[in-house]
Amino acid sequence: MLEGNLIHRDMLYAAQKAGLAFICNVVINADKEAIFAVAGDVDAAHTVGTQFLSGRCQVRATPSDIVITTNGGYPLDQNIYQAVKGMTAAEAAVKKDGVVIMLAQSADGHGGEGFHQTFKQEKNLGRMLEKFLATPKDETIVDQWQSQIFARVLMHARVIYVSEADDQVVRDLHMTPAKTLDEAMRLADEMLGDVEATITAIPDGVGVMVV
């Protein structure tokens, strides 16, 4: 989302102030093959690339009780910090108070000490988010942008995290740990109770735009 995106605006401002005169970006497919390229002005070329993408990897959400997703495999699923990106696709598809099942190997653990401690030390997500939103832009804490997005996801749905990460670290981050998809599905059924749960699967949460 570029329209009204303050982060995109700030990045574009920085690029222009730094004198960036030329870019060359490529779009890759599911097999990591380059299928499209754009080059030229940092703003105009990037816009053309996003327009190409929007017609090929944008899908309408099918609201479901359970959404299963991934972070696209290695190296994108090496830690929990990175896996938040894949969770945002699931957030757009899961019903309020539903269950997201996130599969990410996470052999490197949480991925950021500041990120970990933010959630370990604050159990009230609403209070955490209020604090983030009240923080002046020149006083933000380390990794606040990722923590803010993650808190939003957690307030919308429960997250079961299937990984190799330490179970306590997963719990510190307000999620329920699991080691297999079967275990995660059983836990999701228990969380939802006596309902005939609908399920959406998003094979690659960082490779699709759910709207």
C-alpha atoms as a PDB file:
ATOM      1  CA  MET A   1       0.000   0.000   0.000  1.00  0.00           C
ATOM      2  CA  LEU A   2       1.698   3.154  -1.196  1.00  0.00           C
ATOM      3  CA  GLU A   3      -1.165   5.652  -1.041  1.00  0.00           C
ATOM      4  CA  GLY A   4      -0.798   7.563   2.223  1.00  0.00           C
ATOM      5  CA  ASN A   5       2.013   5.242   3.372  1.00  0.00           C
ATOM      6  CA  LEU A   6       4.197   7.366   5.656  1.00  0.00           C
ATOM      7  CA  ILE A   7       7.071   4.864   5.667  1.00  0.00           C
ATOM      8  CA  HIS A   8       7.136   4.783   1.861  1.00  0.00           C
ATOM      9  CA  ARG A   9       7.058   8.579   1.771  1.00  0.00           C
ATOM     10  CA  ASP A  10       9.975   8.836   4.192  1.00  0.00           C
ATOM     11  CA  MET A  11      12.022   6.270   2.252  1.00  0.00           C
ATOM     12  CA  LEU A  12      11.365   8.079  -1.023  1.00  0.00           C
ATOM     13  CA  TYR A  13      12.354  11.380   0.578  1.00  0.00           C
ATOM     14  CA  ALA A  14      15.619   9.858   1.851  1.00  0.00           C
ATOM     15  CA  ALA A  15      16.420   8.348  -1.558  1.00  0.00           C
ATOM     16  CA  GLN A  16      15.859  11.648  -3.319  1.00  0.00           C
ATOM     17  CA  LYS A  17      17.861  13.649  -0.751  1.00  0.00           C
ATOM     18  CA  ALA A  18      20.718  11.147  -1.102  1.00  0.00           C
ATOM     19  CA  GLY A  19      20.709  11.778  -4.850  1.00  0.00           C
ATOM     20  CA  LEU A  20      19.674   8.290  -5.944  1.00  0.00           C
ATOM     21  CA  ALA A  21      19.498   8.707  -9.709  1.00  0.00           C
ATOM     22  CA  PHE A  22      18.695   5.233 -11.017  1.00  0.00           C
ATOM     23  CA  ILE A  23      17.234   1.934  -9.832  1.00  0.00           C
ATOM     24  CA  CYS A  24      16.855  -1.522 -11.329  1.00  0.00           C
ATOM     25  CA  ASN A  25      14.296  -3.750  -9.584  1.00  0.00           C
ATOM     26  CA  VAL A  26      13.108  -7.216 -10.532  1.00  0.00           C
ATOM     27  CA  VAL A  27       9.961  -9.183  -9.734  1.00  0.00           C
ATOM     28  CA  ILE A  28      10.465 -12.879  -8.972  1.00  0.00           C
ATOM     29  CA  ASN A  29       8.021 -15.780  -9.197  1.00  0.00           C
ATOM     30  CA  ALA A  30       7.435 -18.683  -6.819  1.00  0.00           C
ATOM     31  CA  ASP A  31      10.549 -20.402  -8.166  1.00  0.00           C
ATOM     32  CA  LYS A  32      12.620 -17.290  -7.406  1.00  0.00           C
ATOM     33  CA  GLU A  33      13.044 -16.586 -11.128  1.00  0.00           C
ATOM     34  CA  ALA A  34      13.113 -12.974 -12.378  1.00  0.00           C
ATOM     35  CA  ILE A  35      10.030 -12.462 -14.564  1.00  0.00           C
ATOM     36  CA  PHE A  36       9.865  -8.663 -14.836  1.00  0.00           C
ATOM     37  CA  ALA A  37      12.264  -5.751 -14.472  1.00  0.00           C
ATOM     38  CA  VAL A  38      11.917  -2.004 -14.066  1.00  0.00           C
ATOM     39  CA  ALA A  39      14.639   0.613 -14.261  1.00  0.00           C
ATOM     40  CA  GLY A  40      15.015   4.356 -14.132  1.00  0.00           C
ATOM     41  CA  ASP A  41      13.634   6.980 -11.742  1.00  0.00           C
ATOM     42  CA  VAL A  42      13.340   5.690  -8.180  1.00  0.00           C
ATOM     43  CA  ASP A  43       9.680   6.662  -7.846  1.00  0.00           C
ATOM     44  CA  ALA A  44       8.345   6.104 -11.372  1.00  0.00           C
ATOM     45  CA  ALA A  45      10.086   2.764 -11.972  1.00  0.00           C
ATOM     46  CA  HIS A  46       9.046   1.412  -8.591  1.00  0.00           C
ATOM     47  CA  THR A  47       5.434   2.418  -9.271  1.00  0.00           C
ATOM     48  CA  VAL A  48       5.443   0.487 -12.554  1.00  0.00           C
ATOM     49  CA  GLY A  49       6.764  -2.569 -10.716  1.00  0.00           C
ATOM     50  CA  THR A  50       4.020  -2.409  -8.094  1.00  0.00           C
ATOM     51  CA  GLN A  51       1.374  -2.061 -10.793  1.00  0.00           C
ATOM     52  CA  PHE A  52       2.696  -5.188 -12.506  1.00  0.00           C
ATOM     53  CA  LEU A  53       2.583  -7.089  -9.217  1.00  0.00           C
ATOM     54  CA  SER A  54      -0.879  -5.995  -8.122  1.00  0.00           C
ATOM     55  CA  GLY A  55      -2.512  -7.721 -11.063  1.00  0.00           C
ATOM     56  CA  ARG A  56      -0.736 -11.017 -10.414  1.00  0.00           C
ATOM     57  CA  CYS A  57      -0.421 -11.660  -6.694  1.00  0.00           C
ATOM     58  CA  GLN A  58      -3.387  -9.796  -5.198  1.00  0.00           C
ATOM     59  CA  VAL A  59      -6.338 -11.845  -3.989  1.00  0.00           C
ATOM     60  CA  ARG A  60      -9.597 -11.117  -2.225  1.00  0.00           C
ATOM     61  CA  ALA A  61      -9.806 -12.306   1.358  1.00  0.00           C
ATOM     62  CA  THR A  62     -12.042 -15.238   2.225  1.00  0.00           C
ATOM     63  CA  PRO A  63     -12.710 -14.636   5.947  1.00  0.00           C
ATOM     64  CA  SER A  64     -12.089 -17.873   7.826  1.00  0.00           C
ATOM     65  CA  ASP A  65     -11.905 -19.160  11.380  1.00  0.00           C
ATOM     66  CA  ILE A  66      -8.437 -20.612  10.790  1.00  0.00           C
ATOM     67  CA  VAL A  67      -5.789 -19.275   8.430  1.00  0.00           C
ATOM     68  CA  ILE A  68      -2.646 -21.314   7.802  1.00  0.00           C
ATOM     69  CA  THR A  69       0.352 -19.514   6.339  1.00  0.00           C
ATOM     70  CA  THR A  70       4.152 -19.461   6.061  1.00  0.00           C
ATOM     71  CA  ASN A  71       6.901 -16.917   5.615  1.00  0.00           C
ATOM     72  CA  GLY A  72       8.052 -18.319   2.297  1.00  0.00           C
ATOM     73  CA  GLY A  73      10.710 -20.694   3.589  1.00  0.00           C
ATOM     74  CA  TYR A  74      14.425 -20.104   4.103  1.00  0.00           C
ATOM     75  CA  PRO A  75      15.922 -17.554   4.492  1.00  0.00           C
ATOM     76  CA  LEU A  76      12.747 -15.559   5.191  1.00  0.00           C
ATOM     77  CA  ASP A  77      11.606 -17.847   8.023  1.00  0.00           C
ATOM     78  CA  GLN A  78      14.841 -17.857   9.994  1.00  0.00           C
ATOM     79  CA  ASN A  79      13.367 -16.030  13.009  1.00  0.00           C
ATOM     80  CA  ILE A  80      10.111 -14.852  14.560  1.00  0.00           C
ATOM     81  CA  TYR A  81      10.794 -11.183  13.845  1.00  0.00           C
ATOM     82  CA  GLN A  82      10.825 -11.851  10.109  1.00  0.00           C
ATOM     83  CA  ALA A  83       7.744 -14.098  10.300  1.00  0.00           C
ATOM     84  CA  VAL A  84       5.545 -11.176  11.331  1.00  0.00           C
ATOM     85  CA  LYS A  85       5.500 -10.225   7.636  1.00  0.00           C
ATOM     86  CA  GLY A  86       3.766 -13.459   6.674  1.00  0.00           C
ATOM     87  CA  MET A  87       1.312 -13.064   9.530  1.00  0.00           C
ATOM     88  CA  THR A  88      -0.036  -9.836   8.047  1.00  0.00           C
ATOM     89  CA  ALA A  89      -1.419 -11.759   5.059  1.00  0.00           C
ATOM     90  CA  ALA A  90      -3.183 -14.108   7.474  1.00  0.00           C
ATOM     91  CA  GLU A  91      -4.457 -11.133   9.490  1.00  0.00           C
ATOM     92  CA  ALA A  92      -6.285  -9.880   6.409  1.00  0.00           C
ATOM     93  CA  ALA A  93      -8.052 -13.228   5.961  1.00  0.00           C
ATOM     94  CA  VAL A  94      -8.797 -14.459   9.487  1.00  0.00           C
ATOM     95  CA  LYS A  95     -12.032 -13.613  11.292  1.00  0.00           C
ATOM     96  CA  LYS A  96     -11.873 -11.515  14.445  1.00  0.00           C
ATOM     97  CA  ASP A  97     -10.781 -13.745  17.363  1.00  0.00           C
ATOM     98  CA  GLY A  98     -10.004 -16.547  14.917  1.00  0.00           C
ATOM     99  CA  VAL A  99      -6.745 -18.507  14.786  1.00  0.00           C
ATOM    100  CA  VAL A 100      -3.660 -17.945  12.654  1.00  0.00           C
ATOM    101  CA  ILE A 101      -1.354 -20.942  12.265  1.00  0.00           C
ATOM    102  CA  MET A 102       2.076 -19.645  11.293  1.00  0.00           C
ATOM    103  CA  LEU A 103       4.665 -22.117  10.011  1.00  0.00           C
ATOM    104  CA  ALA A 104       8.210 -20.736  10.164  1.00  0.00           C
ATOM    105  CA  GLN A 105      11.299 -22.747  11.088  1.00  0.00           C
ATOM    106  CA  SER A 106      12.798 -19.928  13.193  1.00  0.00           C
ATOM    107  CA  ALA A 107      16.041 -21.758  13.960  1.00  0.00           C
ATOM    108  CA  ASP A 108      17.551 -18.386  14.956  1.00  0.00           C
ATOM    109  CA  GLY A 109      14.908 -17.748  17.633  1.00  0.00           C
ATOM    110  CA  HIS A 110      13.209 -14.408  18.186  1.00  0.00           C
ATOM    111  CA  GLY A 111      15.401 -12.378  15.836  1.00  0.00           C
ATOM    112  CA  GLY A 112      15.758  -9.256  17.973  1.00  0.00           C
ATOM    113  CA  GLU A 113      16.325  -8.779  21.684  1.00  0.00           C
ATOM    114  CA  GLY A 114      14.435  -5.490  21.802  1.00  0.00           C
ATOM    115  CA  PHE A 115      11.526  -7.055  19.935  1.00  0.00           C
ATOM    116  CA  HIS A 116      11.496 -10.025  22.347  1.00  0.00           C
ATOM    117  CA  GLN A 117      11.694  -7.925  25.500  1.00  0.00           C
ATOM    118  CA  THR A 118       8.934  -5.554  24.384  1.00  0.00           C
ATOM    119  CA  PHE A 119       6.423  -8.406  24.387  1.00  0.00           C
ATOM    120  CA  LYS A 120       7.915 -10.331  27.301  1.00  0.00           C
ATOM    121  CA  GLN A 121       7.651  -7.339  29.626  1.00  0.00           C
ATOM    122  CA  GLU A 122       4.212  -6.090  28.582  1.00  0.00           C
ATOM    123  CA  LYS A 123       1.302  -8.532  28.834  1.00  0.00           C
ATOM    124  CA  ASN A 124      -1.402  -6.027  27.940  1.00  0.00           C
ATOM    125  CA  LEU A 125      -1.363  -5.655  24.153  1.00  0.00           C
ATOM    126  CA  GLY A 126      -3.879  -2.815  24.141  1.00  0.00           C
ATOM    127  CA  ARG A 127      -1.733  -0.793  26.514  1.00  0.00           C
ATOM    128  CA  MET A 128       1.334  -1.606  24.413  1.00  0.00           C
ATOM    129  CA  LEU A 129      -0.319  -0.379  21.223  1.00  0.00           C
ATOM    130  CA  GLU A 130      -1.575   2.797  22.902  1.00  0.00           C
ATOM    131  CA  LYS A 131       1.967   3.530  24.053  1.00  0.00           C
ATOM    132  CA  PHE A 132       3.341   2.977  20.552  1.00  0.00           C
ATOM    133  CA  LEU A 133       0.787   5.304  18.984  1.00  0.00           C
ATOM    134  CA  ALA A 134       1.487   7.999  21.582  1.00  0.00           C
ATOM    135  CA  THR A 135       5.266   7.883  21.051  1.00  0.00           C
ATOM    136  CA  PRO A 136       6.609  10.909  19.104  1.00  0.00           C
ATOM    137  CA  LYS A 137       8.226   9.872  15.816  1.00  0.00           C
ATOM    138  CA  ASP A 138      11.693  10.960  16.979  1.00  0.00           C
ATOM    139  CA  GLU A 139      11.460   8.892  20.191  1.00  0.00           C
ATOM    140  CA  THR A 140      10.455   5.465  18.861  1.00  0.00           C
ATOM    141  CA  ILE A 141      12.072   2.417  20.450  1.00  0.00           C
ATOM    142  CA  VAL A 142      14.167  -0.171  18.612  1.00  0.00           C
ATOM    143  CA  ASP A 143      12.043  -2.266  16.219  1.00  0.00           C
ATOM    144  CA  GLN A 144       8.877  -0.392  17.193  1.00  0.00           C
ATOM    145  CA  TRP A 145       7.384  -0.558  13.684  1.00  0.00           C
ATOM    146  CA  GLN A 146       7.546  -4.364  13.641  1.00  0.00           C
ATOM    147  CA  SER A 147       6.329  -4.641  17.224  1.00  0.00           C
ATOM    148  CA  GLN A 148       3.415  -2.329  16.432  1.00  0.00           C
ATOM    149  CA  ILE A 149       2.314  -4.471  13.480  1.00  0.00           C
ATOM    150  CA  PHE A 150       2.739  -7.668  15.491  1.00  0.00           C
ATOM    151  CA  ALA A 151       0.670  -6.300  18.380  1.00  0.00           C
ATOM    152  CA  ARG A 152      -2.091  -5.418  15.917  1.00  0.00           C
ATOM    153  CA  VAL A 153      -2.086  -8.984  14.554  1.00  0.00           C
ATOM    154  CA  LEU A 154      -2.208 -10.471  18.060  1.00  0.00           C
ATOM    155  CA  MET A 155      -5.127  -8.253  19.051  1.00  0.00           C
ATOM    156  CA  HIS A 156      -7.092  -9.424  16.014  1.00  0.00           C
ATOM    157  CA  ALA A 157      -6.507 -13.186  16.291  1.00  0.00           C
ATOM    158  CA  ARG A 158      -4.791 -15.878  18.308  1.00  0.00           C
ATOM    159  CA  VAL A 159      -1.557 -17.166  16.802  1.00  0.00           C
ATOM    160  CA  ILE A 160      -0.219 -20.721  16.952  1.00  0.00           C
ATOM    161  CA  TYR A 161       3.443 -20.754  15.968  1.00  0.00           C
ATOM    162  CA  VAL A 162       4.818 -23.954  14.405  1.00  0.00           C
ATOM    163  CA  SER A 163       8.611 -23.798  14.553  1.00  0.00           C
ATOM    164  CA  GLU A 164      11.892 -24.964  16.038  1.00  0.00           C
ATOM    165  CA  ALA A 165      11.998 -21.910  18.325  1.00  0.00           C
ATOM    166  CA  ASP A 166      12.082 -22.320  22.090  1.00  0.00           C
ATOM    167  CA  ASP A 167       8.544 -22.758  23.422  1.00  0.00           C
ATOM    168  CA  GLN A 168       9.042 -20.187  26.177  1.00  0.00           C
ATOM    169  CA  VAL A 169      10.233 -17.563  23.710  1.00  0.00           C
ATOM    170  CA  VAL A 170       7.105 -18.193  21.630  1.00  0.00           C
ATOM    171  CA  ARG A 171       4.958 -17.768  24.754  1.00  0.00           C
ATOM    172  CA  ASP A 172       6.871 -14.591  25.685  1.00  0.00           C
ATOM    173  CA  LEU A 173       5.704 -13.262  22.334  1.00  0.00           C
ATOM    174  CA  HIS A 174       2.040 -13.937  23.220  1.00  0.00           C
ATOM    175  CA  MET A 175       1.706 -16.957  20.914  1.00  0.00           C
ATOM    176  CA  THR A 176       1.019 -20.654  21.426  1.00  0.00           C
ATOM    177  CA  PRO A 177       3.905 -22.952  20.430  1.00  0.00           C
ATOM    178  CA  ALA A 178       3.504 -26.117  18.358  1.00  0.00           C
ATOM    179  CA  LYS A 179       5.946 -28.442  16.612  1.00  0.00           C
ATOM    180  CA  THR A 180       3.745 -29.860  13.853  1.00  0.00           C
ATOM    181  CA  LEU A 181       0.791 -28.746  11.760  1.00  0.00           C
ATOM    182  CA  ASP A 182      -1.302 -31.612  13.180  1.00  0.00           C
ATOM    183  CA  GLU A 183      -0.620 -30.365  16.709  1.00  0.00           C
ATOM    184  CA  ALA A 184      -1.460 -26.809  15.661  1.00  0.00           C
ATOM    185  CA  MET A 185      -4.771 -27.889  14.116  1.00  0.00           C
ATOM    186  CA  ARG A 186      -5.720 -29.725  17.305  1.00  0.00           C
ATOM    187  CA  LEU A 187      -4.902 -26.633  19.378  1.00  0.00           C
ATOM    188  CA  ALA A 188      -6.881 -24.411  17.003  1.00  0.00           C
ATOM    189  CA  ASP A 189      -9.935 -26.653  17.312  1.00  0.00           C
ATOM    190  CA  GLU A 190      -9.668 -26.452  21.104  1.00  0.00           C
ATOM    191  CA  MET A 191      -9.428 -22.645  20.992  1.00  0.00           C
ATOM    192  CA  LEU A 192     -12.447 -22.273  18.715  1.00  0.00           C
ATOM    193  CA  GLY A 193     -14.622 -24.723  20.600  1.00  0.00           C
ATOM    194  CA  ASP A 194     -17.631 -26.479  19.162  1.00  0.00           C
ATOM    195  CA  VAL A 195     -17.749 -24.869  15.716  1.00  0.00           C
ATOM    196  CA  GLU A 196     -17.361 -26.208  12.199  1.00  0.00           C
ATOM    197  CA  ALA A 197     -14.250 -24.157  11.461  1.00  0.00           C
ATOM    198  CA  THR A 198     -13.603 -22.719   8.013  1.00  0.00           C
ATOM    199  CA  ILE A 199      -9.981 -22.792   6.857  1.00  0.00           C
ATOM    200  CA  THR A 200      -7.942 -20.687   4.442  1.00  0.00           C
ATOM    201  CA  ALA A 201      -4.421 -21.686   3.390  1.00  0.00           C
ATOM    202  CA  ILE A 202      -1.904 -19.103   2.192  1.00  0.00           C
ATOM    203  CA  PRO A 203       1.177 -21.060   1.027  1.00  0.00           C
ATOM    204  CA  ASP A 204       3.451 -18.019   0.974  1.00  0.00           C
ATOM    205  CA  GLY A 205       2.432 -15.171   3.265  1.00  0.00           C
ATOM    206  CA  VAL A 206       5.068 -12.766   1.961  1.00  0.00           C
ATOM    207  CA  GLY A 207       4.324 -13.476  -1.709  1.00  0.00           C
ATOM    208  CA  VAL A 208       0.651 -12.557  -1.838  1.00  0.00           C
ATOM    209  CA  MET A 209      -1.333  -9.388  -1.155  1.00  0.00           C
ATOM    210  CA  VAL A 210      -4.646 -10.178   0.558  1.00  0.00           C
ATOM    211  CA  VAL A 211      -7.180  -7.369   0.253  1.00  0.00           C
END
